[in-house]
Amino acid sequence: MEANKEIDARNLKCPLPILRCKKGLAEIKENEILKIVATDPGSVKDIEAFCKQTGHIMVRRDEENDEFVFFIKKRAN
């Protein structure tokens, strides 16, 4: 899947993946896609909860080689 911006949150523990996600979303336009790669297993629930709370859309989530890959569509304001 294509992304407009990619964030590398590997080897970062909570709450850093969420903070990087929030910053990355602030740097893209509405309806663009942010890709985040994290290794912290807690990031799965954290990023899902973040999306529900903020209204951003998790388009896709994958897990490969102990890495969690999220594709998040920035919501329209």
PDB file of N, CA and C in Angstrom:
ATOM      1  N   MET A   1       0.846  -1.181   0.000  1.00  0.00           N
ATOM      2  CA  MET A   1       0.000   0.000   0.000  1.00  0.00           C
ATOM      3  C   MET A   1       0.892   1.246   0.000  1.00  0.00           C
ATOM      4  N   GLU A   2       0.507   2.206  -0.790  1.00  0.00           N
ATOM      5  CA  GLU A   2       1.253   3.465  -0.876  1.00  0.00           C
ATOM      6  C   GLU A   2       0.932   4.358   0.326  1.00  0.00           C
ATOM      7  N   ALA A   3       1.941   5.078   0.799  1.00  0.00           N
ATOM      8  CA  ALA A   3       1.748   6.023   1.902  1.00  0.00           C
ATOM      9  C   ALA A   3       2.343   7.368   1.511  1.00  0.00           C
ATOM     10  N   ASN A   4       1.746   8.435   2.010  1.00  0.00           N
ATOM     11  CA  ASN A   4       2.256   9.773   1.741  1.00  0.00           C
ATOM     12  C   ASN A   4       3.428  10.127   2.652  1.00  0.00           C
ATOM     13  N   LYS A   5       3.478   9.474   3.826  1.00  0.00           N
ATOM     14  CA  LYS A   5       4.556   9.703   4.786  1.00  0.00           C
ATOM     15  C   LYS A   5       4.765   8.417   5.568  1.00  0.00           C
ATOM     16  N   GLU A   6       6.019   8.151   5.937  1.00  0.00           N
ATOM     17  CA  GLU A   6       6.328   6.956   6.722  1.00  0.00           C
ATOM     18  C   GLU A   6       7.055   7.353   8.002  1.00  0.00           C
ATOM     19  N   ILE A   7       6.660   6.723   9.097  1.00  0.00           N
ATOM     20  CA  ILE A   7       7.269   6.953  10.403  1.00  0.00           C
ATOM     21  C   ILE A   7       7.903   5.653  10.869  1.00  0.00           C
ATOM     22  N   ASP A   8       9.154   5.721  11.281  1.00  0.00           N
ATOM     23  CA  ASP A   8       9.856   4.563  11.837  1.00  0.00           C
ATOM     24  C   ASP A   8       9.823   4.671  13.359  1.00  0.00           C
ATOM     25  N   ALA A   9       9.001   3.833  13.993  1.00  0.00           N
ATOM     26  CA  ALA A   9       8.897   3.831  15.451  1.00  0.00           C
ATOM     27  C   ALA A   9       9.449   2.519  16.022  1.00  0.00           C
ATOM     28  N   ARG A  10      10.337   1.884  15.282  1.00  0.00           N
ATOM     29  CA  ARG A  10      10.954   0.644  15.758  1.00  0.00           C
ATOM     30  C   ARG A  10      11.775   0.922  17.014  1.00  0.00           C
ATOM     31  N   ASN A  11      11.749  -0.041  17.927  1.00  0.00           N
ATOM     32  CA  ASN A  11      12.522   0.010  19.179  1.00  0.00           C
ATOM     33  C   ASN A  11      12.113   1.145  20.102  1.00  0.00           C
ATOM     34  N   LEU A  12      10.951   1.727  19.882  1.00  0.00           N
ATOM     35  CA  LEU A  12      10.437   2.764  20.780  1.00  0.00           C
ATOM     36  C   LEU A  12       9.308   2.170  21.617  1.00  0.00           C
ATOM     37  N   LYS A  13       9.297   2.500  22.895  1.00  0.00           N
ATOM     38  CA  LYS A  13       8.253   2.020  23.802  1.00  0.00           C
ATOM     39  C   LYS A  13       7.196   3.091  23.989  1.00  0.00           C
ATOM     40  N   CYS A  14       6.041   2.657  24.454  1.00  0.00           N
ATOM     41  CA  CYS A  14       4.926   3.549  24.739  1.00  0.00           C
ATOM     42  C   CYS A  14       5.389   4.672  25.674  1.00  0.00           C
ATOM     43  N   PRO A  15       5.034   5.894  25.417  1.00  0.00           N
ATOM     44  CA  PRO A  15       4.043   6.393  24.461  1.00  0.00           C
ATOM     45  C   PRO A  15       4.659   6.921  23.167  1.00  0.00           C
ATOM     46  N   LEU A  16       5.935   6.666  22.927  1.00  0.00           N
ATOM     47  CA  LEU A  16       6.602   7.262  21.765  1.00  0.00           C
ATOM     48  C   LEU A  16       5.991   6.900  20.408  1.00  0.00           C
ATOM     49  N   PRO A  17       5.566   5.649  20.148  1.00  0.00           N
ATOM     50  CA  PRO A  17       4.939   5.382  18.851  1.00  0.00           C
ATOM     51  C   PRO A  17       3.691   6.244  18.614  1.00  0.00           C
ATOM     52  N   ILE A  18       2.887   6.454  19.653  1.00  0.00           N
ATOM     53  CA  ILE A  18       1.687   7.287  19.513  1.00  0.00           C
ATOM     54  C   ILE A  18       2.067   8.741  19.262  1.00  0.00           C
ATOM     55  N   LEU A  19       3.064   9.228  19.977  1.00  0.00           N
ATOM     56  CA  LEU A  19       3.502  10.615  19.781  1.00  0.00           C
ATOM     57  C   LEU A  19       4.035  10.820  18.370  1.00  0.00           C
ATOM     58  N   ARG A  20       4.768   9.854  17.851  1.00  0.00           N
ATOM     59  CA  ARG A  20       5.277   9.940  16.475  1.00  0.00           C
ATOM     60  C   ARG A  20       4.123   9.885  15.479  1.00  0.00           C
ATOM     61  N   CYS A  21       3.137   9.060  15.786  1.00  0.00           N
ATOM     62  CA  CYS A  21       1.945   8.956  14.937  1.00  0.00           C
ATOM     63  C   CYS A  21       1.231  10.298  14.876  1.00  0.00           C
ATOM     64  N   LYS A  22       1.003  10.895  16.034  1.00  0.00           N
ATOM     65  CA  LYS A  22       0.315  12.177  16.102  1.00  0.00           C
ATOM     66  C   LYS A  22       1.071  13.247  15.312  1.00  0.00           C
ATOM     67  N   LYS A  23       2.385  13.271  15.468  1.00  0.00           N
ATOM     68  CA  LYS A  23       3.209  14.252  14.758  1.00  0.00           C
ATOM     69  C   LYS A  23       3.158  13.996  13.244  1.00  0.00           C
ATOM     70  N   GLY A  24       3.247  12.743  12.848  1.00  0.00           N
ATOM     71  CA  GLY A  24       3.195  12.399  11.424  1.00  0.00           C
ATOM     72  C   GLY A  24       1.873  12.801  10.789  1.00  0.00           C
ATOM     73  N   LEU A  25       0.773  12.588  11.503  1.00  0.00           N
ATOM     74  CA  LEU A  25      -0.534  12.972  10.976  1.00  0.00           C
ATOM     75  C   LEU A  25      -0.653  14.486  10.841  1.00  0.00           C
ATOM     76  N   ALA A  26      -0.011  15.218  11.728  1.00  0.00           N
ATOM     77  CA  ALA A  26      -0.047  16.680  11.653  1.00  0.00           C
ATOM     78  C   ALA A  26       0.708  17.193  10.425  1.00  0.00           C
ATOM     79  N   GLU A  27       1.610  16.382   9.896  1.00  0.00           N
ATOM     80  CA  GLU A  27       2.449  16.796   8.773  1.00  0.00           C
ATOM     81  C   GLU A  27       1.887  16.410   7.403  1.00  0.00           C
ATOM     82  N   ILE A  28       0.753  15.710   7.382  1.00  0.00           N
ATOM     83  CA  ILE A  28       0.155  15.351   6.095  1.00  0.00           C
ATOM     84  C   ILE A  28      -1.216  16.005   5.952  1.00  0.00           C
ATOM     85  N   LYS A  29      -1.738  15.953   4.731  1.00  0.00           N
ATOM     86  CA  LYS A  29      -3.035  16.579   4.448  1.00  0.00           C
ATOM     87  C   LYS A  29      -4.176  15.604   4.725  1.00  0.00           C
ATOM     88  N   GLU A  30      -5.382  16.148   4.804  1.00  0.00           N
ATOM     89  CA  GLU A  30      -6.575  15.330   4.981  1.00  0.00           C
ATOM     90  C   GLU A  30      -6.657  14.277   3.884  1.00  0.00           C
ATOM     91  N   ASN A  31      -7.091  13.094   4.258  1.00  0.00           N
ATOM     92  CA  ASN A  31      -7.275  11.944   3.373  1.00  0.00           C
ATOM     93  C   ASN A  31      -5.976  11.332   2.854  1.00  0.00           C
ATOM     94  N   GLU A  32      -4.827  11.834   3.289  1.00  0.00           N
ATOM     95  CA  GLU A  32      -3.564  11.191   2.945  1.00  0.00           C
ATOM     96  C   GLU A  32      -3.301  10.049   3.928  1.00  0.00           C
ATOM     97  N   ILE A  33      -2.337   9.194   3.559  1.00  0.00           N
ATOM     98  CA  ILE A  33      -2.051   7.984   4.333  1.00  0.00           C
ATOM     99  C   ILE A  33      -0.698   8.104   5.030  1.00  0.00           C
ATOM    100  N   LEU A  34      -0.702   7.751   6.315  1.00  0.00           N
ATOM    101  CA  LEU A  34       0.517   7.686   7.124  1.00  0.00           C
ATOM    102  C   LEU A  34       0.824   6.220   7.392  1.00  0.00           C
ATOM    103  N   LYS A  35       2.068   5.831   7.158  1.00  0.00           N
ATOM    104  CA  LYS A  35       2.521   4.473   7.460  1.00  0.00           C
ATOM    105  C   LYS A  35       3.413   4.551   8.699  1.00  0.00           C
ATOM    106  N   ILE A  36       3.146   3.682   9.669  1.00  0.00           N
ATOM    107  CA  ILE A  36       3.946   3.630  10.884  1.00  0.00           C
ATOM    108  C   ILE A  36       4.435   2.199  11.064  1.00  0.00           C
ATOM    109  N   VAL A  37       5.735   2.045  11.332  1.00  0.00           N
ATOM    110  CA  VAL A  37       6.306   0.734  11.610  1.00  0.00           C
ATOM    111  C   VAL A  37       6.797   0.758  13.055  1.00  0.00           C
ATOM    112  N   ALA A  38       6.284  -0.175  13.874  1.00  0.00           N
ATOM    113  CA  ALA A  38       6.644  -0.231  15.288  1.00  0.00           C
ATOM    114  C   ALA A  38       6.987  -1.668  15.678  1.00  0.00           C
ATOM    115  N   THR A  39       7.732  -1.811  16.760  1.00  0.00           N
ATOM    116  CA  THR A  39       8.080  -3.131  17.268  1.00  0.00           C
ATOM    117  C   THR A  39       7.479  -3.396  18.644  1.00  0.00           C
ATOM    118  N   ASP A  40       6.958  -2.387  19.303  1.00  0.00           N
ATOM    119  CA  ASP A  40       6.350  -2.543  20.616  1.00  0.00           C
ATOM    120  C   ASP A  40       4.975  -3.190  20.464  1.00  0.00           C
ATOM    121  N   PRO A  41       4.755  -4.392  21.019  1.00  0.00           N
ATOM    122  CA  PRO A  41       3.443  -5.043  20.898  1.00  0.00           C
ATOM    123  C   PRO A  41       2.301  -4.190  21.449  1.00  0.00           C
ATOM    124  N   GLY A  42       2.570  -3.360  22.428  1.00  0.00           N
ATOM    125  CA  GLY A  42       1.548  -2.479  22.977  1.00  0.00           C
ATOM    126  C   GLY A  42       1.069  -1.430  22.001  1.00  0.00           C
ATOM    127  N   SER A  43       1.846  -1.192  20.965  1.00  0.00           N
ATOM    128  CA  SER A  43       1.460  -0.171  19.982  1.00  0.00           C
ATOM    129  C   SER A  43       0.195  -0.568  19.218  1.00  0.00           C
ATOM    130  N   VAL A  44      -0.091  -1.866  19.134  1.00  0.00           N
ATOM    131  CA  VAL A  44      -1.278  -2.314  18.398  1.00  0.00           C
ATOM    132  C   VAL A  44      -2.534  -1.741  19.059  1.00  0.00           C
ATOM    133  N   LYS A  45      -2.717  -2.017  20.343  1.00  0.00           N
ATOM    134  CA  LYS A  45      -3.896  -1.500  21.041  1.00  0.00           C
ATOM    135  C   LYS A  45      -3.851   0.022  21.145  1.00  0.00           C
ATOM    136  N   ASP A  46      -2.670   0.567  21.381  1.00  0.00           N
ATOM    137  CA  ASP A  46      -2.541   2.018  21.535  1.00  0.00           C
ATOM    138  C   ASP A  46      -2.939   2.758  20.265  1.00  0.00           C
ATOM    139  N   ILE A  47      -2.444   2.316  19.128  1.00  0.00           N
ATOM    140  CA  ILE A  47      -2.728   3.012  17.874  1.00  0.00           C
ATOM    141  C   ILE A  47      -4.185   2.799  17.458  1.00  0.00           C
ATOM    142  N   GLU A  48      -4.728   1.605  17.707  1.00  0.00           N
ATOM    143  CA  GLU A  48      -6.151   1.380  17.419  1.00  0.00           C
ATOM    144  C   GLU A  48      -7.019   2.317  18.262  1.00  0.00           C
ATOM    145  N   ALA A  49      -6.695   2.438  19.559  1.00  0.00           N
ATOM    146  CA  ALA A  49      -7.456   3.324  20.449  1.00  0.00           C
ATOM    147  C   ALA A  49      -7.293   4.784  20.030  1.00  0.00           C
ATOM    148  N   PHE A  50      -6.090   5.158  19.631  1.00  0.00           N
ATOM    149  CA  PHE A  50      -5.827   6.521  19.171  1.00  0.00           C
ATOM    150  C   PHE A  50      -6.701   6.851  17.961  1.00  0.00           C
ATOM    151  N   CYS A  51      -6.795   5.927  17.023  1.00  0.00           N
ATOM    152  CA  CYS A  51      -7.610   6.153  15.822  1.00  0.00           C
ATOM    153  C   CYS A  51      -9.084   6.312  16.185  1.00  0.00           C
ATOM    154  N   LYS A  52      -9.578   5.453  17.065  1.00  0.00           N
ATOM    155  CA  LYS A  52     -10.982   5.553  17.478  1.00  0.00           C
ATOM    156  C   LYS A  52     -11.247   6.886  18.166  1.00  0.00           C
ATOM    157  N   GLN A  53     -10.322   7.311  19.012  1.00  0.00           N
ATOM    158  CA  GLN A  53     -10.502   8.542  19.779  1.00  0.00           C
ATOM    159  C   GLN A  53     -10.439   9.783  18.901  1.00  0.00           C
ATOM    160  N   THR A  54      -9.577   9.771  17.892  1.00  0.00           N
ATOM    161  CA  THR A  54      -9.353  10.966  17.078  1.00  0.00           C
ATOM    162  C   THR A  54     -10.154  10.978  15.773  1.00  0.00           C
ATOM    163  N   GLY A  55     -10.703   9.831  15.381  1.00  0.00           N
ATOM    164  CA  GLY A  55     -11.481   9.773  14.153  1.00  0.00           C
ATOM    165  C   GLY A  55     -10.677   9.447  12.912  1.00  0.00           C
ATOM    166  N   HIS A  56      -9.365   9.249  13.057  1.00  0.00           N
ATOM    167  CA  HIS A  56      -8.555   8.832  11.912  1.00  0.00           C
ATOM    168  C   HIS A  56      -8.893   7.374  11.598  1.00  0.00           C
ATOM    169  N   ILE A  57      -8.679   6.955  10.364  1.00  0.00           N
ATOM    170  CA  ILE A  57      -9.114   5.628   9.926  1.00  0.00           C
ATOM    171  C   ILE A  57      -7.909   4.709   9.741  1.00  0.00           C
ATOM    172  N   MET A  58      -7.915   3.584  10.465  1.00  0.00           N
ATOM    173  CA  MET A  58      -6.886   2.577  10.245  1.00  0.00           C
ATOM    174  C   MET A  58      -7.302   1.795   9.003  1.00  0.00           C
ATOM    175  N   VAL A  59      -6.595   2.029   7.927  1.00  0.00           N
ATOM    176  CA  VAL A  59      -6.930   1.415   6.650  1.00  0.00           C
ATOM    177  C   VAL A  59      -6.440  -0.029   6.611  1.00  0.00           C
ATOM    178  N   ARG A  60      -5.286  -0.262   7.221  1.00  0.00           N
ATOM    179  CA  ARG A  60      -4.675  -1.589   7.167  1.00  0.00           C
ATOM    180  C   ARG A  60      -3.696  -1.741   8.316  1.00  0.00           C
ATOM    181  N   ARG A  61      -3.573  -2.989   8.811  1.00  0.00           N
ATOM    182  CA  ARG A  61      -2.577  -3.305   9.843  1.00  0.00           C
ATOM    183  C   ARG A  61      -1.978  -4.656   9.505  1.00  0.00           C
ATOM    184  N   ASP A  62      -0.669  -4.718   9.460  1.00  0.00           N
ATOM    185  CA  ASP A  62       0.040  -5.960   9.158  1.00  0.00           C
ATOM    186  C   ASP A  62       1.042  -6.260  10.258  1.00  0.00           C
ATOM    187  N   GLU A  63       1.430  -7.516  10.344  1.00  0.00           N
ATOM    188  CA  GLU A  63       2.490  -7.922  11.264  1.00  0.00           C
ATOM    189  C   GLU A  63       3.460  -8.799  10.493  1.00  0.00           C
ATOM    190  N   GLU A  64       4.737  -8.383  10.483  1.00  0.00           N
ATOM    191  CA  GLU A  64       5.771  -9.133   9.768  1.00  0.00           C
ATOM    192  C   GLU A  64       7.054  -9.088  10.567  1.00  0.00           C
ATOM    193  N   ASN A  65       7.658 -10.243  10.795  1.00  0.00           N
ATOM    194  CA  ASN A  65       8.967 -10.315  11.455  1.00  0.00           C
ATOM    195  C   ASN A  65       9.021  -9.491  12.741  1.00  0.00           C
ATOM    196  N   ASP A  66       8.036  -9.668  13.613  1.00  0.00           N
ATOM    197  CA  ASP A  66       7.972  -8.952  14.898  1.00  0.00           C
ATOM    198  C   ASP A  66       7.854  -7.439  14.726  1.00  0.00           C
ATOM    199  N   GLU A  67       7.377  -7.003  13.581  1.00  0.00           N
ATOM    200  CA  GLU A  67       7.122  -5.582  13.347  1.00  0.00           C
ATOM    201  C   GLU A  67       5.635  -5.399  13.034  1.00  0.00           C
ATOM    202  N   PHE A  68       5.088  -4.314  13.543  1.00  0.00           N
ATOM    203  CA  PHE A  68       3.686  -3.986  13.324  1.00  0.00           C
ATOM    204  C   PHE A  68       3.637  -2.792  12.376  1.00  0.00           C
ATOM    205  N   VAL A  69       2.890  -2.945  11.287  1.00  0.00           N
ATOM    206  CA  VAL A  69       2.822  -1.911  10.261  1.00  0.00           C
ATOM    207  C   VAL A  69       1.378  -1.419  10.187  1.00  0.00           C
ATOM    208  N   PHE A  70       1.222  -0.100  10.354  1.00  0.00           N
ATOM    209  CA  PHE A  70      -0.093   0.522  10.353  1.00  0.00           C
ATOM    210  C   PHE A  70      -0.189   1.509   9.207  1.00  0.00           C
ATOM    211  N   PHE A  71      -1.327   1.536   8.541  1.00  0.00           N
ATOM    212  CA  PHE A  71      -1.623   2.538   7.524  1.00  0.00           C
ATOM    213  C   PHE A  71      -2.850   3.293   8.007  1.00  0.00           C
ATOM    214  N   ILE A  72      -2.670   4.580   8.251  1.00  0.00           N
ATOM    215  CA  ILE A  72      -3.725   5.393   8.824  1.00  0.00           C
ATOM    216  C   ILE A  72      -4.071   6.539   7.883  1.00  0.00           C
ATOM    217  N   LYS A  73      -5.370   6.666   7.594  1.00  0.00           N
ATOM    218  CA  LYS A  73      -5.856   7.748   6.743  1.00  0.00           C
ATOM    219  C   LYS A  73      -6.252   8.907   7.640  1.00  0.00           C
ATOM    220  N   LYS A  74      -5.691  10.082   7.349  1.00  0.00           N
ATOM    221  CA  LYS A  74      -6.005  11.262   8.151  1.00  0.00           C
ATOM    222  C   LYS A  74      -7.441  11.682   7.867  1.00  0.00           C
ATOM    223  N   ARG A  75      -8.178  11.888   8.930  1.00  0.00           N
ATOM    224  CA  ARG A  75      -9.586  12.268   8.786  1.00  0.00           C
ATOM    225  C   ARG A  75      -9.717  13.700   8.281  1.00  0.00           C
ATOM    226  N   ALA A  76     -10.818  13.932   7.618  1.00  0.00           N
ATOM    227  CA  ALA A  76     -11.127  15.291   7.185  1.00  0.00           C
ATOM    228  C   ALA A  76     -11.665  16.061   8.386  1.00  0.00           C
ATOM    229  N   ASN A  77     -11.278  17.311   8.501  1.00  0.00           N
ATOM    230  CA  ASN A  77     -11.735  18.110   9.646  1.00  0.00           C
ATOM    231  C   ASN A  77     -13.145  18.600   9.467  1.00  0.00           C
TER     232      ASN A  77
END
